[in-house]
């Protein structure tokens, strides 16, 4: 089923809202509050959204955040 333009707009707005919340809080605290896996999942979804929007700055920001989350997870598993 194909999404309508309005449905896509609502999805984009939801991702943007989630990412703005993320940027307002310390990334580590945000990840702890939601669980690192949930935080990574949201960030991956956001990254994919930014790819669809061809917002390369947003893609870069999301990728950098994912790299930091991954490094923290690896450090904590040692």
PDB file of N, CA and C in Angstrom:
ATOM      1  N   UNK A   1       0.844  -1.168   0.000  1.00  0.00           N
ATOM      2  CA  UNK A   1       0.000   0.000   0.000  1.00  0.00           C
ATOM      3  C   UNK A   1       0.896   1.240   0.000  1.00  0.00           C
ATOM      4  N   UNK A   2       0.602   2.176  -0.837  1.00  0.00           N
ATOM      5  CA  UNK A   2       1.363   3.410  -0.954  1.00  0.00           C
ATOM      6  C   UNK A   2       0.830   4.437   0.025  1.00  0.00           C
ATOM      7  N   UNK A   3       1.749   5.110   0.704  1.00  0.00           N
ATOM      8  CA  UNK A   3       1.349   6.146   1.643  1.00  0.00           C
ATOM      9  C   UNK A   3       1.033   7.431   0.888  1.00  0.00           C
ATOM     10  N   UNK A   4       0.063   8.164   1.407  1.00  0.00           N
ATOM     11  CA  UNK A   4      -0.276   9.448   0.804  1.00  0.00           C
ATOM     12  C   UNK A   4       0.749  10.487   1.232  1.00  0.00           C
ATOM     13  N   UNK A   5       0.747  11.604   0.557  1.00  0.00           N
ATOM     14  CA  UNK A   5       1.654  12.700   0.897  1.00  0.00           C
ATOM     15  C   UNK A   5       1.423  13.158   2.332  1.00  0.00           C
ATOM     16  N   UNK A   6       0.166  13.203   2.765  1.00  0.00           N
ATOM     17  CA  UNK A   6      -0.156  13.618   4.130  1.00  0.00           C
ATOM     18  C   UNK A   6       0.386  12.609   5.142  1.00  0.00           C
ATOM     19  N   UNK A   7       0.252  11.323   4.842  1.00  0.00           N
ATOM     20  CA  UNK A   7       0.786  10.298   5.745  1.00  0.00           C
ATOM     21  C   UNK A   7       2.304  10.426   5.850  1.00  0.00           C
ATOM     22  N   UNK A   8       2.967  10.638   4.735  1.00  0.00           N
ATOM     23  CA  UNK A   8       4.415  10.832   4.750  1.00  0.00           C
ATOM     24  C   UNK A   8       4.791  12.057   5.563  1.00  0.00           C
ATOM     25  N   UNK A   9       4.043  13.125   5.407  1.00  0.00           N
ATOM     26  CA  UNK A   9       4.313  14.349   6.168  1.00  0.00           C
ATOM     27  C   UNK A   9       4.187  14.096   7.663  1.00  0.00           C
ATOM     28  N   UNK A  10       3.187  13.320   8.055  1.00  0.00           N
ATOM     29  CA  UNK A  10       3.006  12.999   9.470  1.00  0.00           C
ATOM     30  C   UNK A  10       4.164  12.151   9.979  1.00  0.00           C
ATOM     31  N   UNK A  11       4.624  11.222   9.180  1.00  0.00           N
ATOM     32  CA  UNK A  11       5.761  10.377   9.570  1.00  0.00           C
ATOM     33  C   UNK A  11       7.002  11.242   9.718  1.00  0.00           C
ATOM     34  N   UNK A  12       7.262  12.112   8.748  1.00  0.00           N
ATOM     35  CA  UNK A  12       8.430  12.997   8.816  1.00  0.00           C
ATOM     36  C   UNK A  12       8.365  13.866  10.065  1.00  0.00           C
ATOM     37  N   UNK A  13       7.203  14.400  10.361  1.00  0.00           N
ATOM     38  CA  UNK A  13       7.049  15.256  11.535  1.00  0.00           C
ATOM     39  C   UNK A  13       7.326  14.478  12.819  1.00  0.00           C
ATOM     40  N   UNK A  14       6.882  13.226  12.887  1.00  0.00           N
ATOM     41  CA  UNK A  14       7.128  12.407  14.075  1.00  0.00           C
ATOM     42  C   UNK A  14       8.616  12.137  14.260  1.00  0.00           C
ATOM     43  N   UNK A  15       9.305  11.824  13.176  1.00  0.00           N
ATOM     44  CA  UNK A  15      10.748  11.593  13.270  1.00  0.00           C
ATOM     45  C   UNK A  15      11.474  12.872  13.664  1.00  0.00           C
ATOM     46  N   UNK A  16      11.083  13.973  13.058  1.00  0.00           N
ATOM     47  CA  UNK A  16      11.721  15.244  13.398  1.00  0.00           C
ATOM     48  C   UNK A  16      11.515  15.581  14.870  1.00  0.00           C
ATOM     49  N   UNK A  17      10.316  15.336  15.380  1.00  0.00           N
ATOM     50  CA  UNK A  17      10.029  15.597  16.789  1.00  0.00           C
ATOM     51  C   UNK A  17      10.893  14.717  17.687  1.00  0.00           C
ATOM     52  N   UNK A  18      11.015  13.443  17.347  1.00  0.00           N
ATOM     53  CA  UNK A  18      11.833  12.527  18.149  1.00  0.00           C
ATOM     54  C   UNK A  18      13.297  12.963  18.134  1.00  0.00           C
ATOM     55  N   UNK A  19      13.777  13.367  16.981  1.00  0.00           N
ATOM     56  CA  UNK A  19      15.173  13.783  16.900  1.00  0.00           C
ATOM     57  C   UNK A  19      15.403  15.092  17.645  1.00  0.00           C
ATOM     58  N   UNK A  20      14.456  16.015  17.586  1.00  0.00           N
ATOM     59  CA  UNK A  20      14.603  17.263  18.326  1.00  0.00           C
ATOM     60  C   UNK A  20      14.655  16.980  19.826  1.00  0.00           C
ATOM     61  N   UNK A  21      13.850  16.036  20.296  1.00  0.00           N
ATOM     62  CA  UNK A  21      13.905  15.642  21.708  1.00  0.00           C
ATOM     63  C   UNK A  21      15.291  15.101  22.032  1.00  0.00           C
ATOM     64  N   UNK A  22      15.805  14.289  21.149  1.00  0.00           N
ATOM     65  CA  UNK A  22      17.131  13.709  21.338  1.00  0.00           C
ATOM     66  C   UNK A  22      18.192  14.806  21.445  1.00  0.00           C
ATOM     67  N   UNK A  23      18.112  15.810  20.584  1.00  0.00           N
ATOM     68  CA  UNK A  23      19.119  16.865  20.578  1.00  0.00           C
ATOM     69  C   UNK A  23      19.035  17.741  21.828  1.00  0.00           C
ATOM     70  N   UNK A  24      17.850  17.834  22.456  1.00  0.00           N
ATOM     71  CA  UNK A  24      17.687  18.675  23.643  1.00  0.00           C
ATOM     72  C   UNK A  24      18.260  18.022  24.892  1.00  0.00           C
ATOM     73  N   UNK A  25      18.428  16.726  24.884  1.00  0.00           N
ATOM     74  CA  UNK A  25      18.949  16.022  26.053  1.00  0.00           C
ATOM     75  C   UNK A  25      20.307  15.445  25.711  1.00  0.00           C
ATOM     76  N   UNK A  26      21.071  15.142  26.736  1.00  0.00           N
ATOM     77  CA  UNK A  26      22.369  14.514  26.494  1.00  0.00           C
ATOM     78  C   UNK A  26      22.137  13.173  25.814  1.00  0.00           C
ATOM     79  N   UNK A  27      22.847  12.884  24.712  1.00  0.00           N
ATOM     80  CA  UNK A  27      22.626  11.619  24.006  1.00  0.00           C
ATOM     81  C   UNK A  27      22.743  10.390  24.894  1.00  0.00           C
ATOM     82  N   UNK A  28      23.708  10.385  25.803  1.00  0.00           N
ATOM     83  CA  UNK A  28      23.867   9.224  26.678  1.00  0.00           C
ATOM     84  C   UNK A  28      22.641   9.056  27.574  1.00  0.00           C
ATOM     85  N   UNK A  29      22.142  10.152  28.132  1.00  0.00           N
ATOM     86  CA  UNK A  29      20.966  10.074  29.007  1.00  0.00           C
ATOM     87  C   UNK A  29      19.742   9.634  28.221  1.00  0.00           C
ATOM     88  N   UNK A  30      19.592  10.152  27.022  1.00  0.00           N
ATOM     89  CA  UNK A  30      18.467   9.781  26.166  1.00  0.00           C
ATOM     90  C   UNK A  30      18.491   8.284  25.895  1.00  0.00           C
ATOM     91  N   UNK A  31      19.673   7.753  25.612  1.00  0.00           N
ATOM     92  CA  UNK A  31      19.807   6.329  25.325  1.00  0.00           C
ATOM     93  C   UNK A  31      19.515   5.497  26.563  1.00  0.00           C
ATOM     94  N   UNK A  32      19.989   5.940  27.714  1.00  0.00           N
ATOM     95  CA  UNK A  32      19.765   5.207  28.962  1.00  0.00           C
ATOM     96  C   UNK A  32      18.275   5.158  29.285  1.00  0.00           C
ATOM     97  N   UNK A  33      17.596   6.286  29.132  1.00  0.00           N
ATOM     98  CA  UNK A  33      16.171   6.351  29.456  1.00  0.00           C
ATOM     99  C   UNK A  33      15.339   5.407  28.604  1.00  0.00           C
ATOM    100  N   UNK A  34      15.725   5.203  27.362  1.00  0.00           N
ATOM    101  CA  UNK A  34      14.927   4.389  26.445  1.00  0.00           C
ATOM    102  C   UNK A  34      15.531   3.014  26.180  1.00  0.00           C
ATOM    103  N   UNK A  35      16.723   2.802  26.658  1.00  0.00           N
ATOM    104  CA  UNK A  35      17.420   1.562  26.352  1.00  0.00           C
ATOM    105  C   UNK A  35      18.210   1.766  25.072  1.00  0.00           C
ATOM    106  N   UNK A  36      19.447   1.393  25.083  1.00  0.00           N
ATOM    107  CA  UNK A  36      20.321   1.692  23.945  1.00  0.00           C
ATOM    108  C   UNK A  36      19.775   1.107  22.651  1.00  0.00           C
ATOM    109  N   UNK A  37      19.170  -0.068  22.703  1.00  0.00           N
ATOM    110  CA  UNK A  37      18.653  -0.665  21.481  1.00  0.00           C
ATOM    111  C   UNK A  37      17.518   0.173  20.891  1.00  0.00           C
ATOM    112  N   UNK A  38      16.636   0.656  21.745  1.00  0.00           N
ATOM    113  CA  UNK A  38      15.533   1.490  21.268  1.00  0.00           C
ATOM    114  C   UNK A  38      16.061   2.795  20.692  1.00  0.00           C
ATOM    115  N   UNK A  39      17.060   3.365  21.343  1.00  0.00           N
ATOM    116  CA  UNK A  39      17.634   4.616  20.855  1.00  0.00           C
ATOM    117  C   UNK A  39      18.276   4.417  19.487  1.00  0.00           C
ATOM    118  N   UNK A  40      18.992   3.329  19.338  1.00  0.00           N
ATOM    119  CA  UNK A  40      19.612   3.044  18.045  1.00  0.00           C
ATOM    120  C   UNK A  40      18.562   2.813  16.960  1.00  0.00           C
ATOM    121  N   UNK A  41      17.502   2.129  17.322  1.00  0.00           N
ATOM    122  CA  UNK A  41      16.437   1.868  16.349  1.00  0.00           C
ATOM    123  C   UNK A  41      15.812   3.176  15.863  1.00  0.00           C
ATOM    124  N   UNK A  42      15.537   4.079  16.787  1.00  0.00           N
ATOM    125  CA  UNK A  42      14.969   5.376  16.412  1.00  0.00           C
ATOM    126  C   UNK A  42      15.948   6.142  15.535  1.00  0.00           C
ATOM    127  N   UNK A  43      17.232   6.101  15.895  1.00  0.00           N
ATOM    128  CA  UNK A  43      18.224   6.842  15.118  1.00  0.00           C
ATOM    129  C   UNK A  43      18.383   6.265  13.706  1.00  0.00           C
ATOM    130  N   UNK A  44      18.309   4.959  13.579  1.00  0.00           N
ATOM    131  CA  UNK A  44      18.383   4.335  12.250  1.00  0.00           C
ATOM    132  C   UNK A  44      17.179   4.754  11.410  1.00  0.00           C
ATOM    133  N   UNK A  45      15.995   4.727  12.023  1.00  0.00           N
ATOM    134  CA  UNK A  45      14.801   5.177  11.307  1.00  0.00           C
ATOM    135  C   UNK A  45      14.948   6.635  10.873  1.00  0.00           C
ATOM    136  N   UNK A  46      15.481   7.452  11.771  1.00  0.00           N
ATOM    137  CA  UNK A  46      15.669   8.864  11.453  1.00  0.00           C
ATOM    138  C   UNK A  46      16.681   9.026  10.315  1.00  0.00           C
ATOM    139  N   UNK A  47      17.767   8.263  10.369  1.00  0.00           N
ATOM    140  CA  UNK A  47      18.771   8.316   9.307  1.00  0.00           C
ATOM    141  C   UNK A  47      18.139   7.969   7.963  1.00  0.00           C
ATOM    142  N   UNK A  48      17.344   6.915   7.936  1.00  0.00           N
ATOM    143  CA  UNK A  48      16.698   6.511   6.682  1.00  0.00           C
ATOM    144  C   UNK A  48      15.719   7.576   6.183  1.00  0.00           C
ATOM    145  N   UNK A  49      15.030   8.211   7.104  1.00  0.00           N
ATOM    146  CA  UNK A  49      14.143   9.305   6.735  1.00  0.00           C
ATOM    147  C   UNK A  49      14.934  10.433   6.078  1.00  0.00           C
ATOM    148  N   UNK A  50      16.070  10.778   6.676  1.00  0.00           N
ATOM    149  CA  UNK A  50      16.881  11.860   6.140  1.00  0.00           C
ATOM    150  C   UNK A  50      17.457  11.497   4.767  1.00  0.00           C
ATOM    151  N   UNK A  51      17.728  10.213   4.534  1.00  0.00           N
ATOM    152  CA  UNK A  51      18.165   9.776   3.206  1.00  0.00           C
ATOM    153  C   UNK A  51      17.034  10.031   2.203  1.00  0.00           C
ATOM    154  N   UNK A  52      15.815   9.645   2.575  1.00  0.00           N
ATOM    155  CA  UNK A  52      14.674   9.872   1.675  1.00  0.00           C
ATOM    156  C   UNK A  52      14.485  11.348   1.377  1.00  0.00           C
ATOM    157  N   UNK A  53      14.725  12.188   2.375  1.00  0.00           N
ATOM    158  CA  UNK A  53      14.565  13.635   2.205  1.00  0.00           C
ATOM    159  C   UNK A  53      15.784  14.274   1.533  1.00  0.00           C
ATOM    160  N   UNK A  54      16.825  13.479   1.319  1.00  0.00           N
ATOM    161  CA  UNK A  54      18.093  13.975   0.769  1.00  0.00           C
ATOM    162  C   UNK A  54      18.661  15.105   1.620  1.00  0.00           C
ATOM    163  N   UNK A  55      18.497  14.950   2.944  1.00  0.00           N
ATOM    164  CA  UNK A  55      19.041  15.889   3.925  1.00  0.00           C
ATOM    165  C   UNK A  55      20.357  15.298   4.420  1.00  0.00           C
ATOM    166  N   UNK A  56      21.425  15.574   3.699  1.00  0.00           N
ATOM    167  CA  UNK A  56      22.704  14.916   3.967  1.00  0.00           C
ATOM    168  C   UNK A  56      23.311  15.368   5.285  1.00  0.00           C
ATOM    169  N   UNK A  57      23.021  16.567   5.725  1.00  0.00           N
ATOM    170  CA  UNK A  57      23.487  17.008   7.040  1.00  0.00           C
ATOM    171  C   UNK A  57      22.815  16.171   8.134  1.00  0.00           C
ATOM    172  N   UNK A  58      21.515  15.944   7.985  1.00  0.00           N
ATOM    173  CA  UNK A  58      20.790  15.097   8.936  1.00  0.00           C
ATOM    174  C   UNK A  58      21.299  13.669   8.925  1.00  0.00           C
ATOM    175  N   UNK A  59      21.636  13.152   7.738  1.00  0.00           N
ATOM    176  CA  UNK A  59      22.199  11.800   7.627  1.00  0.00           C
ATOM    177  C   UNK A  59      23.509  11.734   8.396  1.00  0.00           C
ATOM    178  N   UNK A  60      24.351  12.731   8.198  1.00  0.00           N
ATOM    179  CA  UNK A  60      25.650  12.771   8.877  1.00  0.00           C
ATOM    180  C   UNK A  60      25.475  12.832  10.393  1.00  0.00           C
ATOM    181  N   UNK A  61      24.572  13.688  10.864  1.00  0.00           N
ATOM    182  CA  UNK A  61      24.319  13.792  12.309  1.00  0.00           C
ATOM    183  C   UNK A  61      23.865  12.461  12.889  1.00  0.00           C
ATOM    184  N   UNK A  62      22.919  11.823  12.207  1.00  0.00           N
ATOM    185  CA  UNK A  62      22.397  10.543  12.702  1.00  0.00           C
ATOM    186  C   UNK A  62      23.487   9.473  12.695  1.00  0.00           C
ATOM    187  N   UNK A  63      24.293   9.429  11.631  1.00  0.00           N
ATOM    188  CA  UNK A  63      25.368   8.446  11.547  1.00  0.00           C
ATOM    189  C   UNK A  63      26.387   8.660  12.662  1.00  0.00           C
ATOM    190  N   UNK A  64      26.720   9.910  12.946  1.00  0.00           N
ATOM    191  CA  UNK A  64      27.660  10.203  14.026  1.00  0.00           C
ATOM    192  C   UNK A  64      27.096   9.765  15.372  1.00  0.00           C
ATOM    193  N   UNK A  65      25.816  10.014  15.605  1.00  0.00           N
ATOM    194  CA  UNK A  65      25.183   9.592  16.852  1.00  0.00           C
ATOM    195  C   UNK A  65      25.174   8.074  16.967  1.00  0.00           C
ATOM    196  N   UNK A  66      24.894   7.389  15.875  1.00  0.00           N
ATOM    197  CA  UNK A  66      24.913   5.923  15.888  1.00  0.00           C
ATOM    198  C   UNK A  66      26.313   5.397  16.200  1.00  0.00           C
ATOM    199  N   UNK A  67      27.325   6.028  15.647  1.00  0.00           N
ATOM    200  CA  UNK A  67      28.705   5.613  15.918  1.00  0.00           C
ATOM    201  C   UNK A  67      29.027   5.783  17.404  1.00  0.00           C
ATOM    202  N   UNK A  68      28.605   6.901  18.006  1.00  0.00           N
ATOM    203  CA  UNK A  68      28.831   7.132  19.432  1.00  0.00           C
ATOM    204  C   UNK A  68      28.087   6.105  20.285  1.00  0.00           C
ATOM    205  N   UNK A  69      26.848   5.803  19.916  1.00  0.00           N
ATOM    206  CA  UNK A  69      26.072   4.811  20.662  1.00  0.00           C
ATOM    207  C   UNK A  69      26.741   3.443  20.594  1.00  0.00           C
ATOM    208  N   UNK A  70      27.209   3.092  19.431  1.00  0.00           N
ATOM    209  CA  UNK A  70      27.880   1.806  19.251  1.00  0.00           C
ATOM    210  C   UNK A  70      29.161   1.733  20.073  1.00  0.00           C
ATOM    211  N   UNK A  71      29.930   2.810  20.079  1.00  0.00           N
ATOM    212  CA  UNK A  71      31.174   2.839  20.854  1.00  0.00           C
ATOM    213  C   UNK A  71      30.887   2.706  22.347  1.00  0.00           C
ATOM    214  N   UNK A  72      29.850   3.406  22.826  1.00  0.00           N
ATOM    215  CA  UNK A  72      29.474   3.301  24.246  1.00  0.00           C
ATOM    216  C   UNK A  72      29.063   1.875  24.597  1.00  0.00           C
ATOM    217  N   UNK A  73      28.273   1.257  23.711  1.00  0.00           N
ATOM    218  CA  UNK A  73      27.806  -0.097  23.963  1.00  0.00           C
ATOM    219  C   UNK A  73      28.995  -1.066  24.031  1.00  0.00           C
ATOM    220  N   UNK A  74      29.935  -0.929  23.096  1.00  0.00           N
ATOM    221  CA  UNK A  74      31.111  -1.790  23.096  1.00  0.00           C
ATOM    222  C   UNK A  74      31.973  -1.572  24.325  1.00  0.00           C
ATOM    223  N   UNK A  75      32.128  -0.306  24.736  1.00  0.00           N
ATOM    224  CA  UNK A  75      32.925   0.011  25.923  1.00  0.00           C
ATOM    225  C   UNK A  75      32.285  -0.583  27.167  1.00  0.00           C
ATOM    226  N   UNK A  76      30.960  -0.485  27.262  1.00  0.00           N
ATOM    227  CA  UNK A  76      30.258  -1.003  28.440  1.00  0.00           C
ATOM    228  C   UNK A  76      30.193  -2.524  28.487  1.00  0.00           C
ATOM    229  N   UNK A  77      30.374  -3.170  27.343  1.00  0.00           N
ATOM    230  CA  UNK A  77      30.311  -4.645  27.327  1.00  0.00           C
ATOM    231  C   UNK A  77      31.633  -5.282  27.709  1.00  0.00           C
ATOM    232  N   UNK A  78      32.702  -4.468  27.782  1.00  0.00           N
ATOM    233  CA  UNK A  78      34.017  -5.001  28.169  1.00  0.00           C
ATOM    234  C   UNK A  78      34.128  -5.234  29.651  1.00  0.00           C
TER     235      UNK A  78
END
